[in-house]
Amino acid sequence: MSVRVRYAPSPTGLQHIGGVRTALFNYFYAKSMGGSFILRVEDTDQERYSDESLQDLYDTFEWLGIQWDEGPDVGGDYGPYIQSERFELYQKYAAQLVEAGKAYPCYCTAERLDEMRAEQAKDKKGHQGYDRHCRDLSPDERTALDAKGLKSVIRFKIPLEGTTIFHDEVLGDVKRKNRDISPDPILLKSDGFPTYHLANIVDDHLMEITHIMRAQEWLPSGSLHVLLYQAFGWEPPKYCHLPMVMGKDGQKLSKRHGSTSLLDFRKEGYLPEALINYVSMIGWSYDDSREFFTKEELEKLFTLDKLNKAPGVFDYKKLIWFDGQYIRQKDDAELKALLIPYLIADGIVSDIPTAEELAIFDGAYPIIKERMKVLSEVSGLVRFLFKDIESYQPELAVPKKLDPLTAYKCLQVAREILTGFEGRSDEDNEEAFRKGAEDMQVNMGAVLQPVRVALTGTTVSPPLFESIRLLGVEKTLKRVDRLLEAIFTTYGPESE
């Protein structure tokens, strides 16, 4: 049996970490088993469907470098791969269940269902969910209702007794009493659109899907789906409910934890290989020590037996660390090509960078490569080389536990040291600043911080001495003088 797995997103929102993790696990399992990875677009939710979401789906996986073997854009022998193009199939199979007595038309109006829910809400201990009002209507009653032109939905007959059992590759045997399954769920809506349950089962069967790999949040629907397979007389695929993706607070990952859409991570400048590597480690581990894997390695090494039952935690700090490691592994020419668009977008360089701008960037590149964690940081790290500081925030020049007067005097001492900066080695300059700090009876950071603020306008910069050499001592001294003036203007006599 050749392995066939699918990623079946609904284009109702941007691709997010949880969905992409599901797609990656399906993709890697297919590749490791020499099988097929299929994309199926489940677009039956027409109210929430958007073209933007569909395009984001394609853009996300193109950026990740993940290609499906069958799908809407590449074709295949089991299409169409968009559910809205398969409506006749769903209506056919829904009718087949009705004919077999496994499903039935339901004529209950929205008003009646609202009244039913209200009554059930009052009696919390009683029956909850659809009350099966139309389940046992006689043929004559159904004919009379049809004659009135009443619209109907098709509901599935959940067995009233017994227990449904299926095996999950991660969780083992899953058992659920039939009376605890959502009573008689809708398969086909009154407008002819299928619900998720019907379309999902029909498509997975007809596309010969062998393994259903999806998040554990779908586990409650597993028993219902197995019952549907049994009603059709079909063999269910193997189920594999993947561990949830959680935030560090133990709650399901959501926007309150930070960015969750892949589009956000792309804009922030994460590398696709870092995201693939890190996301694949959430709920799966090869061994107890190895962390770094290329996409090609995961295509060979991924196995279901190394999936964890427990939820995986998405740690933003760990992802940033991963990305920094991948940045430093990048070939210089490739990394520069990735960074230039950020400089253009942020107005640091011209739309077509000049030779002078490229030369400045080339000079800064060696010292920023070691400090970047995401690509978007490049503009903040090199801005001071391209743009003068429009205005200073003098408070940034005042180190903690020091007063403005001391900071002012520290910057004056630093200015004197800077006048001979170019004629000394880095070791000699470091010694000069250390001696200046000792004379002021402060630590060396208290002398260097105001210089850093003068140079960049912030308390963060690439290595300070290299930054001074790149900008030039003359420009550095001019910025120091401007910051001295700003401190004096802000704090007045206390900084004299």
Protein backbone atom coordinates (compact mmCIF):
# COMPACT_ATOMS: atom_id res chain seq x y z
CA MET A 1 0.00 0.00 0.00
CA SER A 2 1.43 3.33 -1.06
CA VAL A 3 1.10 6.06 1.57
CA ARG A 4 -1.21 8.91 0.59
CA VAL A 5 -1.68 11.84 3.00
CA ARG A 6 -3.33 15.21 2.58
CA TYR A 7 -3.34 18.75 3.90
CA ALA A 8 -6.89 20.07 3.65
CA PRO A 9 -7.07 23.70 4.79
CA SER A 10 -10.10 25.94 4.62
CA PRO A 11 -9.20 29.26 2.92
CA THR A 12 -10.92 31.39 5.56
CA GLY A 13 -7.83 32.97 7.12
CA LEU A 14 -4.06 33.21 6.90
CA GLN A 15 -1.90 30.12 7.27
CA HIS A 16 -0.86 29.79 10.91
CA ILE A 17 1.76 27.87 12.85
CA GLY A 18 -0.55 25.02 13.84
CA GLY A 19 -1.79 24.41 10.31
CA VAL A 20 1.68 24.62 8.81
CA ARG A 21 2.98 22.14 11.40
CA THR A 22 0.22 19.72 10.34
CA ALA A 23 1.15 20.19 6.68
CA LEU A 24 4.86 19.64 7.39
CA PHE A 25 4.23 16.42 9.31
CA ASN A 26 2.06 15.11 6.47
CA TYR A 27 4.65 16.15 3.89
CA PHE A 28 7.62 14.63 5.73
CA TYR A 29 5.77 11.39 6.41
CA ALA A 30 4.84 11.04 2.74
CA LYS A 31 8.40 11.67 1.63
CA SER A 32 9.94 9.33 4.21
CA MET A 33 7.59 6.55 3.05
CA GLY A 34 7.93 7.20 -0.68
CA GLY A 35 4.27 8.20 -0.80
CA SER A 36 2.20 11.15 -2.04
CA PHE A 37 1.38 14.46 -0.35
CA ILE A 38 -1.91 15.96 -1.54
CA LEU A 39 -3.35 19.45 -1.16
CA ARG A 40 -7.15 19.64 -1.02
CA VAL A 41 -8.85 23.01 -0.60
CA GLU A 42 -11.94 22.71 1.59
CA ASP A 43 -13.84 25.82 0.50
CA THR A 44 -17.38 24.83 1.45
CA ASP A 45 -17.58 27.62 4.05
CA GLN A 46 -18.51 30.22 1.43
CA GLU A 47 -19.41 32.91 3.97
CA ARG A 48 -15.85 33.04 5.34
CA TYR A 49 -14.00 32.09 2.16
CA SER A 50 -11.58 34.69 0.75
CA ASP A 51 -9.33 34.79 -2.32
CA GLU A 52 -6.67 36.42 -0.12
CA SER A 53 -6.60 33.36 2.13
CA LEU A 54 -6.28 31.01 -0.83
CA GLN A 55 -3.40 33.05 -2.26
CA ASP A 56 -1.73 33.11 1.16
CA LEU A 57 -1.92 29.30 1.19
CA TYR A 58 -0.03 29.07 -2.09
CA ASP A 59 2.44 31.83 -1.19
CA THR A 60 3.23 30.30 2.20
CA PHE A 61 4.22 26.90 0.89
CA GLU A 62 6.09 28.33 -2.08
CA TRP A 63 8.14 30.37 0.43
CA LEU A 64 8.72 27.27 2.56
CA GLY A 65 9.77 25.28 -0.48
CA ILE A 66 7.10 22.61 0.13
CA GLN A 67 5.46 21.18 -2.99
CA TRP A 68 2.51 18.80 -3.05
CA ASP A 69 2.37 15.88 -5.47
CA GLU A 70 -1.30 16.47 -6.29
CA GLY A 71 -3.44 19.56 -5.89
CA PRO A 72 -5.52 22.27 -7.57
CA ASP A 73 -2.52 23.90 -9.23
CA VAL A 74 -0.62 20.76 -10.25
CA GLY A 75 -3.46 18.35 -11.02
CA GLY A 76 -3.54 14.61 -10.39
CA ASP A 77 -5.64 11.51 -10.96
CA TYR A 78 -8.03 12.10 -8.05
CA GLY A 79 -9.30 15.61 -8.73
CA PRO A 80 -10.95 18.00 -8.61
CA TYR A 81 -8.93 19.08 -5.54
CA ILE A 82 -11.25 21.95 -4.61
CA GLN A 83 -14.37 20.88 -2.75
CA SER A 84 -16.70 23.43 -4.36
CA GLU A 85 -16.03 21.62 -7.64
CA ARG A 86 -17.17 18.28 -6.18
CA PHE A 87 -20.76 19.09 -5.08
CA GLU A 88 -22.43 16.44 -7.21
CA LEU A 89 -20.38 13.79 -5.41
CA TYR A 90 -21.54 14.92 -1.98
CA GLN A 91 -25.18 15.02 -3.01
CA LYS A 92 -24.83 11.57 -4.56
CA TYR A 93 -23.36 10.00 -1.43
CA ALA A 94 -25.77 11.78 0.91
CA ALA A 95 -28.65 10.36 -1.13
CA GLN A 96 -27.01 6.95 -0.95
CA LEU A 97 -27.07 7.09 2.87
CA VAL A 98 -30.72 8.17 2.88
CA GLU A 99 -31.61 5.31 0.53
CA ALA A 100 -29.83 2.86 2.86
CA GLY A 101 -31.67 4.19 5.90
CA LYS A 102 -28.46 5.56 7.42
CA ALA A 103 -29.48 9.24 7.04
CA TYR A 104 -32.73 11.18 6.74
CA PRO A 105 -34.18 14.55 5.67
CA CYS A 106 -34.81 16.96 8.54
CA TYR A 107 -37.39 19.74 8.11
CA CYS A 108 -36.89 21.52 11.45
CA THR A 109 -36.88 25.29 11.02
CA ALA A 110 -34.32 27.61 12.58
CA GLU A 111 -37.05 28.89 14.91
CA ARG A 112 -37.84 25.41 16.19
CA LEU A 113 -34.18 24.63 16.73
CA ASP A 114 -33.71 27.89 18.66
CA GLU A 115 -36.63 27.01 20.91
CA MET A 116 -35.23 23.53 21.43
CA ARG A 117 -31.82 24.91 22.46
CA ALA A 118 -33.42 27.39 24.84
CA GLU A 119 -35.34 24.59 26.56
CA GLN A 120 -32.21 22.46 26.80
CA ALA A 121 -30.28 25.37 28.28
CA LYS A 122 -32.82 25.55 31.11
CA ASP A 123 -32.59 21.81 31.76
CA LYS A 124 -28.81 21.33 31.75
CA LYS A 125 -29.03 17.73 33.00
CA GLY A 126 -31.34 16.59 30.23
CA HIS A 127 -30.65 15.77 26.57
CA GLN A 128 -28.37 18.23 24.80
CA GLY A 129 -28.15 18.67 21.03
CA TYR A 130 -30.60 17.85 18.27
CA ASP A 131 -33.62 15.95 19.63
CA ARG A 132 -34.00 13.71 16.54
CA HIS A 133 -37.47 15.14 15.89
CA CYS A 134 -37.44 14.13 12.20
CA ARG A 135 -35.57 10.84 12.56
CA ASP A 136 -38.58 8.56 12.58
CA LEU A 137 -41.05 10.41 10.37
CA SER A 138 -43.12 8.08 8.25
CA PRO A 139 -42.87 8.13 4.45
CA ASP A 140 -46.29 9.79 4.28
CA GLU A 141 -45.22 12.52 6.71
CA ARG A 142 -42.11 13.21 4.65
CA THR A 143 -44.14 13.33 1.43
CA ALA A 144 -46.53 15.84 2.99
CA LEU A 145 -43.70 18.06 4.19
CA ASP A 146 -42.03 17.93 0.75
CA ALA A 147 -45.35 18.89 -0.84
CA LYS A 148 -45.44 22.02 1.31
CA GLY A 149 -42.11 23.05 -0.23
CA LEU A 150 -40.29 22.94 3.09
CA LYS A 151 -36.52 22.98 2.81
CA SER A 152 -34.68 20.10 4.43
CA VAL A 153 -31.19 19.16 5.48
CA ILE A 154 -29.78 15.63 5.52
CA ARG A 155 -28.85 14.31 8.95
CA PHE A 156 -26.79 11.21 9.76
CA LYS A 157 -28.31 8.57 12.02
CA ILE A 158 -25.96 8.08 14.93
CA PRO A 159 -26.55 4.60 16.43
CA LEU A 160 -28.40 4.97 19.71
CA GLU A 161 -26.51 2.16 21.46
CA GLY A 162 -23.01 0.75 21.54
CA THR A 163 -19.47 2.13 21.51
CA THR A 164 -17.32 3.22 18.58
CA ILE A 165 -13.64 2.29 18.76
CA PHE A 166 -10.81 3.26 16.44
CA HIS A 167 -7.04 3.04 16.71
CA ASP A 168 -4.90 6.15 16.68
CA GLU A 169 -1.21 5.87 15.75
CA VAL A 170 -0.24 8.24 18.58
CA LEU A 171 -2.92 7.82 21.22
CA GLY A 172 -3.74 4.12 20.89
CA ASP A 173 -7.34 2.88 20.99
CA VAL A 174 -9.94 5.66 21.25
CA LYS A 175 -13.35 4.66 22.58
CA ARG A 176 -16.54 6.68 22.70
CA LYS A 177 -20.09 5.68 23.56
CA ASN A 178 -22.42 6.48 20.67
CA ARG A 179 -24.83 8.31 22.95
CA ASP A 180 -22.03 10.81 23.68
CA ILE A 181 -21.47 11.63 19.99
CA SER A 182 -23.18 14.77 18.66
CA PRO A 183 -26.72 13.52 17.92
CA ASP A 184 -27.55 13.14 14.23
CA PRO A 185 -25.26 15.85 12.76
CA ILE A 186 -26.08 17.54 9.46
CA LEU A 187 -24.33 16.09 6.41
CA LEU A 188 -25.92 18.18 3.67
CA LYS A 189 -27.28 21.69 4.25
CA SER A 190 -30.52 22.98 2.78
CA ASP A 191 -28.60 24.91 0.09
CA GLY A 192 -26.95 21.71 -1.08
CA PHE A 193 -23.58 22.49 0.46
CA PRO A 194 -21.99 19.61 2.39
CA THR A 195 -20.78 20.00 5.96
CA TYR A 196 -17.18 19.27 6.85
CA HIS A 197 -18.03 15.77 8.04
CA LEU A 198 -19.58 14.51 4.80
CA ALA A 199 -17.16 16.21 2.40
CA ASN A 200 -14.17 15.12 4.44
CA ILE A 201 -15.15 11.44 4.47
CA VAL A 202 -16.17 11.26 0.82
CA ASP A 203 -13.05 13.03 -0.39
CA ASP A 204 -10.63 11.05 1.75
CA HIS A 205 -12.16 7.79 0.52
CA LEU A 206 -12.28 8.72 -3.16
CA MET A 207 -8.76 10.14 -3.04
CA GLU A 208 -7.58 6.90 -1.39
CA ILE A 209 -6.04 8.69 1.58
CA THR A 210 -4.26 6.13 3.77
CA HIS A 211 -3.43 8.24 6.84
CA ILE A 212 -5.32 11.13 8.43
CA MET A 213 -2.78 13.29 10.26
CA ARG A 214 -4.47 16.22 11.96
CA ALA A 215 -4.42 18.13 15.25
CA GLN A 216 -5.81 16.56 18.41
CA GLU A 217 -8.53 19.21 18.53
CA TRP A 218 -10.25 17.11 15.83
CA LEU A 219 -10.21 13.98 18.01
CA PRO A 220 -13.88 14.34 19.10
CA SER A 221 -14.98 14.04 15.46
CA GLY A 222 -12.98 10.84 14.98
CA SER A 223 -15.74 8.56 16.26
CA LEU A 224 -18.35 10.25 14.05
CA HIS A 225 -16.14 9.86 11.00
CA VAL A 226 -15.53 6.19 11.72
CA LEU A 227 -19.31 5.67 11.94
CA LEU A 228 -19.70 7.37 8.57
CA TYR A 229 -17.08 5.07 7.04
CA GLN A 230 -18.96 2.10 8.46
CA ALA A 231 -22.28 3.43 7.11
CA PHE A 232 -20.81 3.59 3.62
CA GLY A 233 -19.15 0.19 4.02
CA TRP A 234 -15.68 1.71 3.50
CA GLU A 235 -12.39 0.95 5.25
CA PRO A 236 -11.31 3.98 7.33
CA PRO A 237 -7.78 5.37 6.88
CA LYS A 238 -5.34 5.15 9.75
CA TYR A 239 -5.74 8.02 12.19
CA CYS A 240 -2.91 10.02 13.71
CA HIS A 241 -3.99 12.92 15.92
CA LEU A 242 -1.03 15.22 16.35
CA PRO A 243 -0.06 16.87 19.65
CA MET A 244 -1.43 20.36 20.13
CA VAL A 245 0.71 23.47 19.69
CA MET A 246 0.59 25.44 22.94
CA GLY A 247 1.93 28.73 24.23
CA LYS A 248 4.32 28.81 27.18
CA ASP A 249 1.33 29.43 29.46
CA GLY A 250 -0.09 26.01 28.63
CA GLN A 251 -2.95 27.41 26.55
CA LYS A 252 -3.55 26.72 22.86
CA LEU A 253 -1.31 28.97 20.76
CA SER A 254 -3.19 32.09 19.67
CA LYS A 255 -2.65 35.73 18.79
CA ARG A 256 -2.46 36.67 22.45
CA HIS A 257 0.90 34.88 22.59
CA GLY A 258 2.27 36.85 19.61
CA SER A 259 2.42 36.31 15.87
CA THR A 260 0.86 33.06 14.69
CA SER A 261 0.43 33.61 10.94
CA LEU A 262 3.27 32.66 8.62
CA LEU A 263 2.83 35.99 6.84
CA ASP A 264 3.81 37.80 10.06
CA PHE A 265 6.93 35.67 10.46
CA ARG A 266 7.87 36.27 6.82
CA LYS A 267 7.50 40.04 7.23
CA GLU A 268 9.60 39.96 10.40
CA GLY A 269 12.39 38.35 8.43
CA TYR A 270 12.51 34.75 9.59
CA LEU A 271 14.20 32.28 7.27
CA PRO A 272 12.01 29.45 5.91
CA GLU A 273 14.58 26.80 6.79
CA ALA A 274 14.65 27.99 10.42
CA LEU A 275 10.85 27.90 10.67
CA ILE A 276 10.64 24.45 9.09
CA ASN A 277 13.30 23.10 11.45
CA TYR A 278 11.86 24.62 14.61
CA VAL A 279 8.18 23.97 13.88
CA SER A 280 8.97 20.33 13.06
CA MET A 281 10.44 19.94 16.56
CA ILE A 282 7.12 20.89 18.21
CA GLY A 283 5.69 17.51 19.14
CA TRP A 284 8.31 15.42 17.33
CA SER A 285 11.89 14.56 18.23
CA TYR A 286 14.46 12.40 16.52
CA ASP A 287 16.43 11.78 19.71
CA ASP A 288 17.15 13.53 23.00
CA SER A 289 19.93 15.75 21.71
CA ARG A 290 19.78 16.65 18.02
CA GLU A 291 18.02 19.91 17.14
CA PHE A 292 19.14 20.93 13.65
CA PHE A 293 17.73 19.27 10.55
CA THR A 294 17.55 20.34 6.95
CA LYS A 295 14.30 19.86 5.04
CA GLU A 296 15.97 17.10 3.05
CA GLU A 297 17.01 15.29 6.25
CA LEU A 298 13.50 15.47 7.67
CA GLU A 299 12.15 14.04 4.41
CA LYS A 300 14.20 10.91 5.17
CA LEU A 301 14.09 10.68 8.97
CA PHE A 302 10.48 11.53 9.91
CA THR A 303 8.54 8.65 11.47
CA LEU A 304 5.24 8.48 13.35
CA ASP A 305 6.70 6.57 16.29
CA LYS A 306 8.70 9.64 17.32
CA LEU A 307 5.62 11.82 17.74
CA ASN A 308 4.81 12.84 21.30
CA LYS A 309 1.42 12.41 22.96
CA ALA A 310 1.89 15.53 25.06
CA PRO A 311 1.32 19.00 23.57
CA GLY A 312 4.30 20.84 22.12
CA VAL A 313 5.21 24.34 23.29
CA PHE A 314 5.90 27.11 20.78
CA ASP A 315 8.70 29.20 22.29
CA TYR A 316 9.23 32.47 20.41
CA LYS A 317 12.66 32.99 21.99
CA LYS A 318 13.79 29.56 20.85
CA LEU A 319 12.60 30.26 17.31
CA ILE A 320 14.54 33.56 17.30
CA TRP A 321 17.63 31.68 18.46
CA PHE A 322 17.14 29.09 15.69
CA ASP A 323 16.81 31.85 13.11
CA GLY A 324 20.00 33.54 14.27
CA GLN A 325 21.87 30.27 13.89
CA TYR A 326 20.59 29.84 10.34
CA ILE A 327 21.46 33.45 9.45
CA ARG A 328 25.07 32.84 10.44
CA GLN A 329 25.19 29.70 8.32
CA LYS A 330 24.07 31.58 5.21
CA ASP A 331 26.41 32.17 2.28
CA ASP A 332 27.36 35.87 2.30
CA ALA A 333 26.14 36.61 -1.22
CA GLU A 334 22.79 34.92 -0.55
CA LEU A 335 22.31 36.66 2.80
CA LYS A 336 23.13 40.09 1.37
CA ALA A 337 20.57 39.52 -1.38
CA LEU A 338 17.96 38.75 1.30
CA LEU A 339 18.86 41.84 3.36
CA ILE A 340 18.89 44.50 0.64
CA PRO A 341 15.07 44.45 0.15
CA TYR A 342 14.61 45.33 3.84
CA LEU A 343 16.97 48.29 3.45
CA ILE A 344 15.03 49.46 0.41
CA ALA A 345 11.64 49.01 2.09
CA ASP A 346 12.79 50.97 5.15
CA GLY A 347 14.21 53.81 3.08
CA ILE A 348 17.79 53.17 4.18
CA VAL A 349 19.06 52.87 0.61
CA SER A 350 17.69 53.87 -2.78
CA ASP A 351 15.24 51.65 -4.67
CA ILE A 352 18.22 50.78 -6.84
CA PRO A 353 21.13 51.01 -4.35
CA THR A 354 24.04 53.13 -5.48
CA ALA A 355 27.63 51.91 -5.52
CA GLU A 356 28.34 54.13 -2.49
CA GLU A 357 25.40 52.69 -0.53
CA LEU A 358 26.44 49.15 -1.35
CA ALA A 359 30.01 49.92 -0.27
CA ILE A 360 28.79 51.22 3.10
CA PHE A 361 26.63 48.14 3.54
CA ASP A 362 29.49 45.81 2.58
CA GLY A 363 31.63 47.47 5.25
CA ALA A 364 28.96 46.96 7.92
CA TYR A 365 27.96 43.46 6.86
CA PRO A 366 30.69 41.48 8.71
CA ILE A 367 29.82 43.01 12.09
CA ILE A 368 26.03 42.81 11.78
CA LYS A 369 25.85 39.21 10.52
CA GLU A 370 26.94 37.94 13.91
CA ARG A 371 24.30 39.99 15.75
CA MET A 372 21.17 39.55 13.65
CA LYS A 373 18.43 37.25 14.85
CA VAL A 374 15.92 38.07 12.08
CA LEU A 375 16.46 39.74 8.72
CA SER A 376 14.30 42.76 9.54
CA GLU A 377 16.82 43.87 12.18
CA VAL A 378 19.27 44.93 9.47
CA SER A 379 17.84 48.43 9.04
CA GLY A 380 18.07 49.25 12.73
CA LEU A 381 21.65 47.98 12.88
CA VAL A 382 23.01 50.00 9.94
CA ARG A 383 20.74 53.05 9.88
CA PHE A 384 23.33 55.20 11.72
CA LEU A 385 25.76 54.73 8.82
CA PHE A 386 23.30 56.03 6.23
CA LYS A 387 21.19 58.55 8.14
CA ASP A 388 22.13 61.28 10.58
CA ILE A 389 20.40 61.23 13.97
CA GLU A 390 17.41 63.56 13.66
CA SER A 391 17.01 64.09 17.39
CA TYR A 392 18.35 62.55 20.57
CA GLN A 393 16.63 61.23 23.66
CA PRO A 394 19.09 62.47 26.31
CA GLU A 395 17.69 60.12 28.96
CA LEU A 396 19.08 57.17 26.99
CA ALA A 397 22.58 58.52 27.61
CA VAL A 398 22.15 58.34 31.38
CA PRO A 399 23.09 54.85 32.59
CA LYS A 400 21.13 53.28 35.43
CA LYS A 401 22.15 54.46 38.91
CA LEU A 402 23.88 57.52 37.46
CA ASP A 403 22.70 61.12 37.31
CA PRO A 404 22.68 63.39 34.22
CA LEU A 405 25.71 65.34 35.44
CA THR A 406 27.85 62.19 35.69
CA ALA A 407 26.65 60.99 32.29
CA TYR A 408 27.51 64.39 30.82
CA LYS A 409 31.02 64.24 32.29
CA CYS A 410 31.46 60.63 31.11
CA LEU A 411 30.64 61.72 27.56
CA GLN A 412 33.12 64.57 27.83
CA VAL A 413 35.82 62.10 28.90
CA ALA A 414 34.83 59.81 26.04
CA ARG A 415 35.13 62.71 23.60
CA GLU A 416 38.72 63.34 24.65
CA ILE A 417 39.55 59.65 24.18
CA LEU A 418 37.91 59.61 20.74
CA THR A 419 40.15 62.34 19.38
CA GLY A 420 43.03 59.87 19.17
CA PHE A 421 40.87 56.83 18.38
CA GLU A 422 42.07 56.12 14.83
CA GLY A 423 45.73 56.03 15.80
CA ARG A 424 45.27 53.27 18.36
CA SER A 425 44.44 49.55 18.19
CA ASP A 426 41.19 48.24 19.60
CA GLU A 427 43.10 46.91 22.60
CA ASP A 428 44.64 50.33 23.25
CA ASN A 429 41.27 52.07 22.83
CA GLU A 430 39.68 49.65 25.25
CA GLU A 431 42.42 50.40 27.77
CA ALA A 432 41.93 54.15 27.25
CA PHE A 433 38.20 53.89 27.95
CA ARG A 434 38.84 51.66 30.96
CA LYS A 435 41.24 54.23 32.42
CA GLY A 436 38.75 57.03 31.73
CA ALA A 437 36.07 55.06 33.59
CA GLU A 438 38.41 54.49 36.54
CA ASP A 439 39.16 58.20 36.71
CA MET A 440 35.41 58.87 36.81
CA GLN A 441 34.95 56.08 39.36
CA VAL A 442 32.32 54.37 37.21
CA ASN A 443 32.27 51.13 35.24
CA MET A 444 33.35 51.22 31.61
CA GLY A 445 29.80 50.74 30.38
CA ALA A 446 28.85 54.09 31.88
CA VAL A 447 31.39 55.74 29.58
CA LEU A 448 30.56 53.67 26.49
CA GLN A 449 26.75 53.94 26.71
CA PRO A 450 26.60 57.70 25.98
CA VAL A 451 28.97 57.16 23.04
CA ARG A 452 26.70 54.42 21.69
CA VAL A 453 23.67 56.70 22.01
CA ALA A 454 25.54 59.54 20.27
CA LEU A 455 26.56 57.21 17.46
CA THR A 456 23.22 55.48 16.78
CA GLY A 457 20.55 57.35 18.72
CA THR A 458 19.81 54.14 20.66
CA THR A 459 21.42 52.03 23.36
CA VAL A 460 21.90 49.16 20.88
CA SER A 461 24.48 48.97 18.10
CA PRO A 462 26.87 46.59 16.42
CA PRO A 463 30.27 46.33 18.20
CA LEU A 464 31.05 49.92 19.18
CA PHE A 465 34.67 50.28 18.07
CA GLU A 466 33.96 48.77 14.65
CA SER A 467 30.95 51.07 14.34
CA ILE A 468 33.08 54.15 15.10
CA ARG A 469 35.61 53.13 12.44
CA LEU A 470 32.83 52.61 9.89
CA LEU A 471 31.21 55.99 10.58
CA GLY A 472 34.52 57.81 10.99
CA VAL A 473 35.82 59.69 14.01
CA GLU A 474 34.96 63.10 12.57
CA LYS A 475 31.26 62.28 12.22
CA THR A 476 31.31 60.49 15.56
CA LEU A 477 32.68 63.59 17.33
CA LYS A 478 30.01 65.77 15.72
CA ARG A 479 27.31 63.44 17.04
CA VAL A 480 28.93 63.41 20.48
CA ASP A 481 28.82 67.22 20.50
CA ARG A 482 25.16 67.21 19.53
CA LEU A 483 24.32 64.77 22.32
CA LEU A 484 26.27 66.85 24.85
CA GLU A 485 24.21 69.85 23.80
CA ALA A 486 20.97 67.84 24.05
CA ILE A 487 21.83 66.66 27.57
CA PHE A 488 22.65 70.22 28.64
CA THR A 489 19.45 71.60 27.08
CA THR A 490 17.32 68.97 28.77
CA TYR A 491 18.87 68.89 32.22
CA GLY A 492 20.23 72.45 32.44
CA PRO A 493 22.64 73.43 35.21
CA GLU A 494 22.68 69.96 36.75
CA SER A 495 24.69 68.75 33.74
CA GLU A 496 27.16 71.64 33.75
